[in-house]
Amino acid sequence: MSESSPQDFLFQRIRELIPAKASLVDTVAEILHVSSDSAYRRIRGETLLVLNEAKLLCDHFQLSLDQLFLLKNHSVVFEHSRLDLAHHDYDRFLLGLLQQLKNMNQSVNPEMIYCSKDLPVFHNFYFRPVFAFRYFFWMRTFIQHPDFQGRKFSMDCLSDATELIGRELTREYAELPSIEILNTECINAIISQIEFCKDAGYFSNPGDIRSIYDSLESTILHLKDQVDYGAKFLPADKNPSGRKKNFNFYYNRVLLGDNTILVSTGQERQVFLNYEALSYLNTKDKDFCDGCYSGLQHLMKKGSIISATSEKQRNIFFGILLGKITDRIKAITNK
């Protein structure tokens, strides 16, 4: 059986999904109700799976049979994680992100490349006012949670439990070696959201608008500190200079990013594509992931690395971001 056969691909995916200490042979034998020797021959490719056996395995591991038959054409099969709007389950979305990060940190030689047109999602959780505002905005305008319809913004809209998940996300993200590729448009979305809510009358206390902008400024300054050191750490970290160098940051002036995340773990790559604000598609298709990796490498060569080097370019980049925030603060102060 060739290396890229559907049967080999299926067992490769099952190996990735079962616990590290579990026996693949015993797992397959139990699902197919065959002997260990029969399961071993199927895993080795000496005995071909019949269609019903493939379906049993795919159903058990929630895999798509389509993946087994699209290996040699230009189709790519994605899994999706879509926010359940019917149940307004934002915390589950955050917990899903948290589990993804934990899995990455527990893998062999992990690395994340994050090319974004917006402020990467993990930077929303450092300071409560920004987190509370993004939470309010998503709950009211996108998720349309009934408890938020007609409600005005307040800092206590963010529960302690949700804030705690955000804190865990930032801790896990700080441990993950990563590359971020951003341009100076990355904070336009959150500024537009703040201004929209201001114009729509969603703020009952004008002082909250200033608090959110101040918090956004603190977020950008903290990001700059991490880029200065070439290391990721939390705002409360007392000794950032002692952190491991796990953060490369590129100033992208070539094109607007598209919220692509590529994760490398050992010999495997996985791509996550963000859509509908809070949902994402992901695939481990080798050709697709390798193509994305090559494209991101090309984009990095066209950009400027400004982490722990290129102080002038770093100051220009962050100066532009901070200037946008200062302009908005001046606008609300002078009214």
C-alpha atoms as a PDB file:
ATOM      1  CA  MET A   1       0.000   0.000   0.000  1.00  0.00           C
ATOM      2  CA  SER A   2       1.399   3.416  -0.977  1.00  0.00           C
ATOM      3  CA  GLU A   3       2.212   5.967   1.688  1.00  0.00           C
ATOM      4  CA  SER A   4      -0.514   8.347   0.549  1.00  0.00           C
ATOM      5  CA  SER A   5      -3.309   5.746   0.262  1.00  0.00           C
ATOM      6  CA  PRO A   6      -6.673   6.519   1.894  1.00  0.00           C
ATOM      7  CA  GLN A   7      -6.256   3.629   4.333  1.00  0.00           C
ATOM      8  CA  ASP A   8      -2.855   4.814   5.487  1.00  0.00           C
ATOM      9  CA  PHE A   9      -4.181   8.356   5.817  1.00  0.00           C
ATOM     10  CA  LEU A  10      -7.098   7.142   7.967  1.00  0.00           C
ATOM     11  CA  PHE A  11      -4.856   5.307  10.415  1.00  0.00           C
ATOM     12  CA  GLN A  12      -2.478   8.264  10.543  1.00  0.00           C
ATOM     13  CA  ARG A  13      -5.396  10.499  11.612  1.00  0.00           C
ATOM     14  CA  ILE A  14      -6.524   7.941  14.205  1.00  0.00           C
ATOM     15  CA  ARG A  15      -3.012   7.855  15.675  1.00  0.00           C
ATOM     16  CA  GLU A  16      -3.241  11.629  16.155  1.00  0.00           C
ATOM     17  CA  LEU A  17      -6.612  11.400  17.900  1.00  0.00           C
ATOM     18  CA  ILE A  18      -6.117   8.580  20.386  1.00  0.00           C
ATOM     19  CA  PRO A  19      -4.327   9.197  23.720  1.00  0.00           C
ATOM     20  CA  ALA A  20      -0.550   8.930  23.537  1.00  0.00           C
ATOM     21  CA  LYS A  21      -0.451   5.807  25.741  1.00  0.00           C
ATOM     22  CA  ALA A  22      -3.325   4.039  23.984  1.00  0.00           C
ATOM     23  CA  SER A  23      -2.646   1.073  21.696  1.00  0.00           C
ATOM     24  CA  LEU A  24      -3.695   1.713  18.093  1.00  0.00           C
ATOM     25  CA  VAL A  25      -4.052  -2.036  17.476  1.00  0.00           C
ATOM     26  CA  ASP A  26      -6.299  -2.563  20.511  1.00  0.00           C
ATOM     27  CA  THR A  27      -8.369   0.523  19.684  1.00  0.00           C
ATOM     28  CA  VAL A  28      -8.991  -0.590  16.081  1.00  0.00           C
ATOM     29  CA  ALA A  29      -9.693  -4.181  17.122  1.00  0.00           C
ATOM     30  CA  GLU A  30     -12.321  -3.053  19.635  1.00  0.00           C
ATOM     31  CA  ILE A  31     -14.118  -0.727  17.183  1.00  0.00           C
ATOM     32  CA  LEU A  32     -14.151  -3.248  14.316  1.00  0.00           C
ATOM     33  CA  HIS A  33     -14.788  -6.272  16.565  1.00  0.00           C
ATOM     34  CA  VAL A  34     -11.854  -8.165  15.089  1.00  0.00           C
ATOM     35  CA  SER A  35      -8.793  -9.843  16.588  1.00  0.00           C
ATOM     36  CA  SER A  36      -5.621  -7.921  17.358  1.00  0.00           C
ATOM     37  CA  ASP A  37      -3.873  -9.773  14.529  1.00  0.00           C
ATOM     38  CA  SER A  38      -6.606  -8.751  12.046  1.00  0.00           C
ATOM     39  CA  ALA A  39      -6.429  -5.139  13.249  1.00  0.00           C
ATOM     40  CA  TYR A  40      -2.636  -5.175  12.837  1.00  0.00           C
ATOM     41  CA  ARG A  41      -2.903  -6.422   9.239  1.00  0.00           C
ATOM     42  CA  ARG A  42      -5.318  -3.612   8.416  1.00  0.00           C
ATOM     43  CA  ILE A  43      -3.029  -1.002   9.996  1.00  0.00           C
ATOM     44  CA  ARG A  44      -0.074  -2.397   8.050  1.00  0.00           C
ATOM     45  CA  GLY A  45      -2.077  -2.371   4.816  1.00  0.00           C
ATOM     46  CA  GLU A  46      -1.825  -6.110   4.333  1.00  0.00           C
ATOM     47  CA  THR A  47      -5.635  -6.366   4.509  1.00  0.00           C
ATOM     48  CA  LEU A  48      -7.772  -3.705   2.881  1.00  0.00           C
ATOM     49  CA  LEU A  49     -10.587  -2.154   4.868  1.00  0.00           C
ATOM     50  CA  VAL A  50     -14.065  -2.735   3.523  1.00  0.00           C
ATOM     51  CA  LEU A  51     -16.304   0.329   3.231  1.00  0.00           C
ATOM     52  CA  ASN A  52     -18.326  -0.568   6.327  1.00  0.00           C
ATOM     53  CA  GLU A  53     -15.139  -0.821   8.418  1.00  0.00           C
ATOM     54  CA  ALA A  54     -13.920   2.556   7.200  1.00  0.00           C
ATOM     55  CA  LYS A  55     -17.307   4.045   8.097  1.00  0.00           C
ATOM     56  CA  LEU A  56     -17.192   2.530  11.607  1.00  0.00           C
ATOM     57  CA  LEU A  57     -13.779   4.066  12.228  1.00  0.00           C
ATOM     58  CA  CYS A  58     -14.756   7.458  10.769  1.00  0.00           C
ATOM     59  CA  ASP A  59     -17.983   7.565  12.796  1.00  0.00           C
ATOM     60  CA  HIS A  60     -16.147   6.677  15.997  1.00  0.00           C
ATOM     61  CA  PHE A  61     -13.513   9.390  15.555  1.00  0.00           C
ATOM     62  CA  GLN A  62     -15.849  11.923  13.902  1.00  0.00           C
ATOM     63  CA  LEU A  63     -13.840  11.943  10.683  1.00  0.00           C
ATOM     64  CA  SER A  64     -15.179  12.509   7.186  1.00  0.00           C
ATOM     65  CA  LEU A  65     -15.056   9.733   4.620  1.00  0.00           C
ATOM     66  CA  ASP A  66     -14.550  12.506   2.063  1.00  0.00           C
ATOM     67  CA  GLN A  67     -11.028  12.990   3.392  1.00  0.00           C
ATOM     68  CA  LEU A  68     -10.125   9.448   2.383  1.00  0.00           C
ATOM     69  CA  PHE A  69     -10.979   9.980  -1.276  1.00  0.00           C
ATOM     70  CA  LEU A  70      -9.674  13.491  -1.926  1.00  0.00           C
ATOM     71  CA  LEU A  71      -5.979  12.865  -1.406  1.00  0.00           C
ATOM     72  CA  LYS A  72      -4.894  13.040  -5.051  1.00  0.00           C
ATOM     73  CA  ASN A  73      -6.861  15.963  -6.442  1.00  0.00           C
ATOM     74  CA  HIS A  74      -7.065  19.670  -5.716  1.00  0.00           C
ATOM     75  CA  SER A  75      -9.812  19.426  -3.089  1.00  0.00           C
ATOM     76  CA  VAL A  76      -9.002  20.221   0.527  1.00  0.00           C
ATOM     77  CA  VAL A  77     -11.140  19.028   3.423  1.00  0.00           C
ATOM     78  CA  PHE A  78     -11.497  21.365   6.409  1.00  0.00           C
ATOM     79  CA  GLU A  79     -12.920  20.839   9.836  1.00  0.00           C
ATOM     80  CA  HIS A  80     -14.789  23.778  11.277  1.00  0.00           C
ATOM     81  CA  SER A  81     -15.312  25.276  14.700  1.00  0.00           C
ATOM     82  CA  ARG A  82     -18.301  27.570  14.406  1.00  0.00           C
ATOM     83  CA  LEU A  83     -19.700  29.607  17.250  1.00  0.00           C
ATOM     84  CA  ASP A  84     -23.076  28.205  18.286  1.00  0.00           C
ATOM     85  CA  LEU A  85     -25.169  31.314  17.803  1.00  0.00           C
ATOM     86  CA  ALA A  86     -28.353  29.490  18.800  1.00  0.00           C
ATOM     87  CA  HIS A  87     -27.004  28.955  22.306  1.00  0.00           C
ATOM     88  CA  HIS A  88     -24.872  32.143  22.464  1.00  0.00           C
ATOM     89  CA  ASP A  89     -21.999  30.052  23.818  1.00  0.00           C
ATOM     90  CA  TYR A  90     -19.035  32.437  23.783  1.00  0.00           C
ATOM     91  CA  ASP A  91     -17.317  30.839  26.773  1.00  0.00           C
ATOM     92  CA  ARG A  92     -17.230  27.529  24.921  1.00  0.00           C
ATOM     93  CA  PHE A  93     -15.512  29.303  22.030  1.00  0.00           C
ATOM     94  CA  LEU A  94     -12.843  30.620  24.432  1.00  0.00           C
ATOM     95  CA  LEU A  95     -12.432  27.197  26.049  1.00  0.00           C
ATOM     96  CA  GLY A  96     -11.953  25.691  22.597  1.00  0.00           C
ATOM     97  CA  LEU A  97      -9.147  28.176  21.902  1.00  0.00           C
ATOM     98  CA  LEU A  98      -7.611  27.385  25.286  1.00  0.00           C
ATOM     99  CA  GLN A  99      -7.599  23.655  24.587  1.00  0.00           C
ATOM    100  CA  GLN A 100      -6.019  24.238  21.184  1.00  0.00           C
ATOM    101  CA  LEU A 101      -3.201  26.234  22.816  1.00  0.00           C
ATOM    102  CA  LYS A 102      -2.652  23.582  25.485  1.00  0.00           C
ATOM    103  CA  ASN A 103      -2.415  20.886  22.821  1.00  0.00           C
ATOM    104  CA  MET A 104       0.109  22.966  20.893  1.00  0.00           C
ATOM    105  CA  ASN A 105       2.256  23.621  23.964  1.00  0.00           C
ATOM    106  CA  GLN A 106       2.300  19.905  24.792  1.00  0.00           C
ATOM    107  CA  SER A 107       3.455  18.913  21.303  1.00  0.00           C
ATOM    108  CA  VAL A 108       6.995  18.539  19.964  1.00  0.00           C
ATOM    109  CA  ASN A 109       8.732  21.780  18.921  1.00  0.00           C
ATOM    110  CA  PRO A 110       5.559  23.845  18.446  1.00  0.00           C
ATOM    111  CA  GLU A 111       5.525  27.134  16.584  1.00  0.00           C
ATOM    112  CA  MET A 112       2.661  29.401  15.509  1.00  0.00           C
ATOM    113  CA  ILE A 113       2.737  31.854  12.604  1.00  0.00           C
ATOM    114  CA  TYR A 114      -0.094  34.371  12.931  1.00  0.00           C
ATOM    115  CA  CYS A 115      -0.727  36.668   9.951  1.00  0.00           C
ATOM    116  CA  SER A 116      -3.552  39.008  10.845  1.00  0.00           C
ATOM    117  CA  LYS A 117      -5.403  42.029   9.530  1.00  0.00           C
ATOM    118  CA  ASP A 118      -6.708  42.671  13.069  1.00  0.00           C
ATOM    119  CA  LEU A 119      -5.173  42.680  16.510  1.00  0.00           C
ATOM    120  CA  PRO A 120      -4.583  38.956  17.151  1.00  0.00           C
ATOM    121  CA  VAL A 121      -7.306  37.599  19.394  1.00  0.00           C
ATOM    122  CA  PHE A 122      -4.955  36.707  22.274  1.00  0.00           C
ATOM    123  CA  HIS A 123      -4.018  40.372  22.790  1.00  0.00           C
ATOM    124  CA  ASN A 124      -7.599  41.223  23.717  1.00  0.00           C
ATOM    125  CA  PHE A 125      -7.347  39.648  27.160  1.00  0.00           C
ATOM    126  CA  TYR A 126      -4.513  41.542  28.890  1.00  0.00           C
ATOM    127  CA  PHE A 127      -6.577  44.371  30.382  1.00  0.00           C
ATOM    128  CA  ARG A 128     -10.169  44.255  31.567  1.00  0.00           C
ATOM    129  CA  PRO A 129     -11.615  47.327  29.759  1.00  0.00           C
ATOM    130  CA  VAL A 130     -10.565  46.090  26.303  1.00  0.00           C
ATOM    131  CA  PHE A 131     -11.683  42.530  27.080  1.00  0.00           C
ATOM    132  CA  ALA A 132     -15.004  43.775  28.506  1.00  0.00           C
ATOM    133  CA  PHE A 133     -15.631  45.948  25.460  1.00  0.00           C
ATOM    134  CA  ARG A 134     -14.820  43.218  22.898  1.00  0.00           C
ATOM    135  CA  TYR A 135     -16.995  40.826  24.875  1.00  0.00           C
ATOM    136  CA  PHE A 136     -19.869  43.335  24.944  1.00  0.00           C
ATOM    137  CA  PHE A 137     -19.508  44.106  21.243  1.00  0.00           C
ATOM    138  CA  TRP A 138     -19.446  40.463  20.189  1.00  0.00           C
ATOM    139  CA  MET A 139     -22.323  39.511  22.491  1.00  0.00           C
ATOM    140  CA  ARG A 140     -24.554  42.390  21.399  1.00  0.00           C
ATOM    141  CA  THR A 141     -23.840  42.852  17.700  1.00  0.00           C
ATOM    142  CA  PHE A 142     -22.599  39.487  16.444  1.00  0.00           C
ATOM    143  CA  ILE A 143     -23.833  36.783  18.810  1.00  0.00           C
ATOM    144  CA  GLN A 144     -26.986  38.824  19.555  1.00  0.00           C
ATOM    145  CA  HIS A 145     -27.352  37.372  23.016  1.00  0.00           C
ATOM    146  CA  PRO A 146     -30.837  38.235  24.335  1.00  0.00           C
ATOM    147  CA  ASP A 147     -29.387  39.507  27.638  1.00  0.00           C
ATOM    148  CA  PHE A 148     -27.409  42.140  25.707  1.00  0.00           C
ATOM    149  CA  GLN A 149     -30.157  43.435  23.435  1.00  0.00           C
ATOM    150  CA  GLY A 150     -31.002  46.959  24.558  1.00  0.00           C
ATOM    151  CA  ARG A 151     -28.231  46.824  27.167  1.00  0.00           C
ATOM    152  CA  LYS A 152     -25.621  49.566  27.398  1.00  0.00           C
ATOM    153  CA  PHE A 153     -21.958  48.891  28.010  1.00  0.00           C
ATOM    154  CA  SER A 154     -20.622  48.571  31.534  1.00  0.00           C
ATOM    155  CA  MET A 155     -17.380  47.097  32.811  1.00  0.00           C
ATOM    156  CA  ASP A 156     -19.254  44.448  34.795  1.00  0.00           C
ATOM    157  CA  CYS A 157     -20.745  42.924  31.633  1.00  0.00           C
ATOM    158  CA  LEU A 158     -17.686  40.644  31.657  1.00  0.00           C
ATOM    159  CA  SER A 159     -18.106  37.900  34.263  1.00  0.00           C
ATOM    160  CA  ASP A 160     -15.220  36.858  36.487  1.00  0.00           C
ATOM    161  CA  ALA A 161     -15.425  33.338  35.026  1.00  0.00           C
ATOM    162  CA  THR A 162     -15.047  34.578  31.446  1.00  0.00           C
ATOM    163  CA  GLU A 163     -12.218  36.920  32.439  1.00  0.00           C
ATOM    164  CA  LEU A 164     -10.445  33.975  34.078  1.00  0.00           C
ATOM    165  CA  ILE A 165     -10.572  32.009  30.819  1.00  0.00           C
ATOM    166  CA  GLY A 166      -9.017  35.015  29.074  1.00  0.00           C
ATOM    167  CA  ARG A 167      -6.216  35.095  31.658  1.00  0.00           C
ATOM    168  CA  GLU A 168      -5.520  31.398  31.055  1.00  0.00           C
ATOM    169  CA  LEU A 169      -5.435  32.040  27.316  1.00  0.00           C
ATOM    170  CA  THR A 170      -2.792  34.758  27.702  1.00  0.00           C
ATOM    171  CA  ARG A 171      -0.679  32.501  29.936  1.00  0.00           C
ATOM    172  CA  GLU A 172      -0.767  29.624  27.450  1.00  0.00           C
ATOM    173  CA  TYR A 173      -0.103  31.959  24.525  1.00  0.00           C
ATOM    174  CA  ALA A 174       2.907  33.462  26.315  1.00  0.00           C
ATOM    175  CA  GLU A 175       4.489  29.999  26.425  1.00  0.00           C
ATOM    176  CA  LEU A 176       3.979  29.227  22.740  1.00  0.00           C
ATOM    177  CA  PRO A 177       6.836  30.183  20.371  1.00  0.00           C
ATOM    178  CA  SER A 178       5.279  32.296  17.684  1.00  0.00           C
ATOM    179  CA  ILE A 179       5.692  34.687  14.792  1.00  0.00           C
ATOM    180  CA  GLU A 180       3.234  37.522  14.248  1.00  0.00           C
ATOM    181  CA  ILE A 181       2.902  39.396  10.957  1.00  0.00           C
ATOM    182  CA  LEU A 182       0.897  42.621  11.293  1.00  0.00           C
ATOM    183  CA  ASN A 183       0.526  45.930   9.551  1.00  0.00           C
ATOM    184  CA  THR A 184      -0.575  49.327  10.808  1.00  0.00           C
ATOM    185  CA  GLU A 185      -4.233  48.588   9.968  1.00  0.00           C
ATOM    186  CA  CYS A 186      -4.426  46.006  12.773  1.00  0.00           C
ATOM    187  CA  ILE A 187      -6.223  48.238  15.312  1.00  0.00           C
ATOM    188  CA  ASN A 188      -8.621  49.836  12.841  1.00  0.00           C
ATOM    189  CA  ALA A 189     -11.310  47.241  13.551  1.00  0.00           C
ATOM    190  CA  ILE A 190     -11.463  47.764  17.307  1.00  0.00           C
ATOM    191  CA  ILE A 191     -11.348  51.559  16.902  1.00  0.00           C
ATOM    192  CA  SER A 192     -14.231  51.333  14.423  1.00  0.00           C
ATOM    193  CA  GLN A 193     -16.169  49.179  16.883  1.00  0.00           C
ATOM    194  CA  ILE A 194     -15.654  51.669  19.719  1.00  0.00           C
ATOM    195  CA  GLU A 195     -16.743  54.540  17.504  1.00  0.00           C
ATOM    196  CA  PHE A 196     -19.770  52.605  16.269  1.00  0.00           C
ATOM    197  CA  CYS A 197     -20.904  51.895  19.819  1.00  0.00           C
ATOM    198  CA  LYS A 198     -20.317  55.548  20.759  1.00  0.00           C
ATOM    199  CA  ASP A 199     -22.379  56.827  17.830  1.00  0.00           C
ATOM    200  CA  ALA A 200     -25.109  54.228  18.433  1.00  0.00           C
ATOM    201  CA  GLY A 201     -25.509  55.349  22.050  1.00  0.00           C
ATOM    202  CA  TYR A 202     -24.294  52.099  23.588  1.00  0.00           C
ATOM    203  CA  PHE A 203     -22.286  53.923  26.274  1.00  0.00           C
ATOM    204  CA  SER A 204     -24.149  55.334  29.259  1.00  0.00           C
ATOM    205  CA  ASN A 205     -20.939  56.588  30.876  1.00  0.00           C
ATOM    206  CA  PRO A 206     -18.676  58.636  28.544  1.00  0.00           C
ATOM    207  CA  GLY A 207     -15.783  57.904  30.885  1.00  0.00           C
ATOM    208  CA  ASP A 208     -15.923  54.242  29.813  1.00  0.00           C
ATOM    209  CA  ILE A 209     -14.910  55.248  26.270  1.00  0.00           C
ATOM    210  CA  ARG A 210     -11.762  56.905  27.610  1.00  0.00           C
ATOM    211  CA  SER A 211     -11.047  53.868  29.809  1.00  0.00           C
ATOM    212  CA  ILE A 212     -11.279  51.541  26.817  1.00  0.00           C
ATOM    213  CA  TYR A 213      -8.954  53.705  24.723  1.00  0.00           C
ATOM    214  CA  ASP A 214      -6.513  53.959  27.640  1.00  0.00           C
ATOM    215  CA  SER A 215      -6.649  50.177  27.966  1.00  0.00           C
ATOM    216  CA  LEU A 216      -6.105  49.756  24.227  1.00  0.00           C
ATOM    217  CA  GLU A 217      -3.070  52.014  24.513  1.00  0.00           C
ATOM    218  CA  SER A 218      -1.758  49.843  27.373  1.00  0.00           C
ATOM    219  CA  THR A 219      -2.324  46.760  25.201  1.00  0.00           C
ATOM    220  CA  ILE A 220      -0.266  48.209  22.344  1.00  0.00           C
ATOM    221  CA  LEU A 221       2.475  49.338  24.737  1.00  0.00           C
ATOM    222  CA  HIS A 222       2.606  45.854  26.246  1.00  0.00           C
ATOM    223  CA  LEU A 223       2.836  44.351  22.773  1.00  0.00           C
ATOM    224  CA  LYS A 224       5.679  46.756  22.035  1.00  0.00           C
ATOM    225  CA  ASP A 225       7.479  45.662  25.219  1.00  0.00           C
ATOM    226  CA  GLN A 226       7.259  42.044  24.084  1.00  0.00           C
ATOM    227  CA  VAL A 227       8.527  42.945  20.630  1.00  0.00           C
ATOM    228  CA  ASP A 228      11.396  44.915  22.226  1.00  0.00           C
ATOM    229  CA  TYR A 229      12.535  41.815  24.117  1.00  0.00           C
ATOM    230  CA  GLY A 230      11.629  39.277  21.416  1.00  0.00           C
ATOM    231  CA  ALA A 231       9.810  37.373  24.144  1.00  0.00           C
ATOM    232  CA  LYS A 232       6.216  36.948  25.242  1.00  0.00           C
ATOM    233  CA  PHE A 233       5.193  37.638  28.812  1.00  0.00           C
ATOM    234  CA  LEU A 234       2.265  38.933  30.850  1.00  0.00           C
ATOM    235  CA  PRO A 235       1.908  42.577  31.935  1.00  0.00           C
ATOM    236  CA  ALA A 236       2.547  41.573  35.558  1.00  0.00           C
ATOM    237  CA  ASP A 237       5.818  39.796  34.748  1.00  0.00           C
ATOM    238  CA  LYS A 238       8.500  41.368  36.966  1.00  0.00           C
ATOM    239  CA  ASN A 239      11.465  40.024  35.012  1.00  0.00           C
ATOM    240  CA  PRO A 240      10.687  39.995  31.269  1.00  0.00           C
ATOM    241  CA  SER A 241      14.379  40.069  30.393  1.00  0.00           C
ATOM    242  CA  GLY A 242      14.632  36.557  31.806  1.00  0.00           C
ATOM    243  CA  ARG A 243      11.929  35.145  29.531  1.00  0.00           C
ATOM    244  CA  LYS A 244      12.854  32.758  26.726  1.00  0.00           C
ATOM    245  CA  LYS A 245      13.153  34.326  23.290  1.00  0.00           C
ATOM    246  CA  ASN A 246      10.004  32.945  21.694  1.00  0.00           C
ATOM    247  CA  PHE A 247       8.533  35.900  19.787  1.00  0.00           C
ATOM    248  CA  ASN A 248       9.401  37.113  16.289  1.00  0.00           C
ATOM    249  CA  PHE A 249       7.410  40.069  14.992  1.00  0.00           C
ATOM    250  CA  TYR A 250       7.207  41.319  11.412  1.00  0.00           C
ATOM    251  CA  TYR A 251       6.031  44.708  10.191  1.00  0.00           C
ATOM    252  CA  ASN A 252       4.099  43.843   7.053  1.00  0.00           C
ATOM    253  CA  ARG A 253       3.859  46.692   4.554  1.00  0.00           C
ATOM    254  CA  VAL A 254       3.141  44.519   1.518  1.00  0.00           C
ATOM    255  CA  LEU A 255      -0.520  43.570   1.859  1.00  0.00           C
ATOM    256  CA  LEU A 256      -3.406  43.428   4.300  1.00  0.00           C
ATOM    257  CA  GLY A 257      -3.335  40.144   6.223  1.00  0.00           C
ATOM    258  CA  ASP A 258      -6.185  37.650   6.151  1.00  0.00           C
ATOM    259  CA  ASN A 259      -6.207  36.136   9.654  1.00  0.00           C
ATOM    260  CA  THR A 260      -4.272  32.985   8.806  1.00  0.00           C
ATOM    261  CA  ILE A 261      -2.720  30.899  11.567  1.00  0.00           C
ATOM    262  CA  LEU A 262      -0.229  28.150  10.754  1.00  0.00           C
ATOM    263  CA  VAL A 263       0.905  25.812  13.517  1.00  0.00           C
ATOM    264  CA  SER A 264       3.916  23.507  13.154  1.00  0.00           C
ATOM    265  CA  THR A 265       4.345  20.631  15.608  1.00  0.00           C
ATOM    266  CA  GLY A 266       7.144  18.169  14.982  1.00  0.00           C
ATOM    267  CA  GLN A 267       6.803  17.072  11.354  1.00  0.00           C
ATOM    268  CA  GLU A 268       3.174  18.178  10.985  1.00  0.00           C
ATOM    269  CA  ARG A 269       1.537  21.462  10.000  1.00  0.00           C
ATOM    270  CA  GLN A 270      -2.003  22.697  10.537  1.00  0.00           C
ATOM    271  CA  VAL A 271      -3.706  25.820   9.181  1.00  0.00           C
ATOM    272  CA  PHE A 272      -6.543  27.753  10.819  1.00  0.00           C
ATOM    273  CA  LEU A 273      -8.548  30.256   8.760  1.00  0.00           C
ATOM    274  CA  ASN A 274     -10.735  32.717  10.634  1.00  0.00           C
ATOM    275  CA  TYR A 275     -14.193  33.533   9.261  1.00  0.00           C
ATOM    276  CA  GLU A 276     -17.400  35.189  10.526  1.00  0.00           C
ATOM    277  CA  ALA A 277     -15.406  37.034  13.211  1.00  0.00           C
ATOM    278  CA  LEU A 278     -15.298  34.215  15.788  1.00  0.00           C
ATOM    279  CA  SER A 279     -15.361  30.982  13.771  1.00  0.00           C
ATOM    280  CA  TYR A 280     -12.535  29.170  12.045  1.00  0.00           C
ATOM    281  CA  LEU A 281     -11.742  26.369   9.617  1.00  0.00           C
ATOM    282  CA  ASN A 282      -8.731  24.129  10.055  1.00  0.00           C
ATOM    283  CA  THR A 283      -6.963  21.516   7.979  1.00  0.00           C
ATOM    284  CA  LYS A 284      -3.886  19.313   8.152  1.00  0.00           C
ATOM    285  CA  ASP A 285      -3.820  18.752   4.386  1.00  0.00           C
ATOM    286  CA  LYS A 286      -0.085  18.573   3.665  1.00  0.00           C
ATOM    287  CA  ASP A 287      -0.054  20.280   0.276  1.00  0.00           C
ATOM    288  CA  PHE A 288      -2.312  23.103   1.465  1.00  0.00           C
ATOM    289  CA  CYS A 289      -0.335  23.648   4.675  1.00  0.00           C
ATOM    290  CA  ASP A 290       3.004  23.519   2.872  1.00  0.00           C
ATOM    291  CA  GLY A 291       1.701  26.067   0.368  1.00  0.00           C
ATOM    292  CA  CYS A 292       0.557  28.379   3.168  1.00  0.00           C
ATOM    293  CA  TYR A 293       3.914  27.999   4.881  1.00  0.00           C
ATOM    294  CA  SER A 294       5.764  28.992   1.694  1.00  0.00           C
ATOM    295  CA  GLY A 295       3.470  31.985   1.221  1.00  0.00           C
ATOM    296  CA  LEU A 296       4.001  33.170   4.791  1.00  0.00           C
ATOM    297  CA  GLN A 297       7.765  32.759   4.458  1.00  0.00           C
ATOM    298  CA  HIS A 298       7.660  34.904   1.321  1.00  0.00           C
ATOM    299  CA  LEU A 299       5.598  37.542   3.138  1.00  0.00           C
ATOM    300  CA  MET A 300       8.118  37.633   5.984  1.00  0.00           C
ATOM    301  CA  LYS A 301      10.965  38.175   3.519  1.00  0.00           C
ATOM    302  CA  LYS A 302       9.079  41.138   2.079  1.00  0.00           C
ATOM    303  CA  GLY A 303       8.376  42.558   5.548  1.00  0.00           C
ATOM    304  CA  SER A 304      10.677  43.891   8.246  1.00  0.00           C
ATOM    305  CA  ILE A 305      11.487  41.923  11.374  1.00  0.00           C
ATOM    306  CA  ILE A 306      11.319  44.401  14.258  1.00  0.00           C
ATOM    307  CA  SER A 307      11.496  42.133  17.319  1.00  0.00           C
ATOM    308  CA  ALA A 308      14.672  42.661  19.400  1.00  0.00           C
ATOM    309  CA  THR A 309      16.163  44.550  16.436  1.00  0.00           C
ATOM    310  CA  SER A 310      15.442  47.401  13.980  1.00  0.00           C
ATOM    311  CA  GLU A 311      14.556  49.890  16.707  1.00  0.00           C
ATOM    312  CA  LYS A 312      13.822  52.651  14.198  1.00  0.00           C
ATOM    313  CA  GLN A 313      11.300  50.553  12.258  1.00  0.00           C
ATOM    314  CA  ARG A 314       9.809  49.285  15.518  1.00  0.00           C
ATOM    315  CA  ASN A 315       9.263  52.838  16.754  1.00  0.00           C
ATOM    316  CA  ILE A 316       7.687  53.829  13.433  1.00  0.00           C
ATOM    317  CA  PHE A 317       5.273  50.891  13.521  1.00  0.00           C
ATOM    318  CA  PHE A 318       4.133  51.369  17.093  1.00  0.00           C
ATOM    319  CA  GLY A 319       4.171  55.136  16.755  1.00  0.00           C
ATOM    320  CA  ILE A 320       1.538  54.852  14.022  1.00  0.00           C
ATOM    321  CA  LEU A 321      -0.654  52.579  16.168  1.00  0.00           C
ATOM    322  CA  LEU A 322      -0.365  54.752  19.258  1.00  0.00           C
ATOM    323  CA  GLY A 323      -0.993  57.880  17.180  1.00  0.00           C
ATOM    324  CA  LYS A 324      -4.345  56.497  16.045  1.00  0.00           C
ATOM    325  CA  ILE A 325      -5.375  55.943  19.661  1.00  0.00           C
ATOM    326  CA  THR A 326      -4.126  59.376  20.733  1.00  0.00           C
ATOM    327  CA  ASP A 327      -6.197  60.987  17.969  1.00  0.00           C
ATOM    328  CA  ARG A 328      -9.357  59.294  19.248  1.00  0.00           C
ATOM    329  CA  ILE A 329      -8.607  60.281  22.869  1.00  0.00           C
ATOM    330  CA  LYS A 330      -8.088  63.882  21.792  1.00  0.00           C
ATOM    331  CA  ALA A 331     -11.370  63.789  19.852  1.00  0.00           C
ATOM    332  CA  ILE A 332     -13.435  62.723  22.865  1.00  0.00           C
ATOM    333  CA  THR A 333     -11.496  64.992  25.260  1.00  0.00           C
ATOM    334  CA  ASN A 334     -12.055  68.109  23.156  1.00  0.00           C
ATOM    335  CA  LYS A 335     -15.821  67.618  22.870  1.00  0.00           C
END
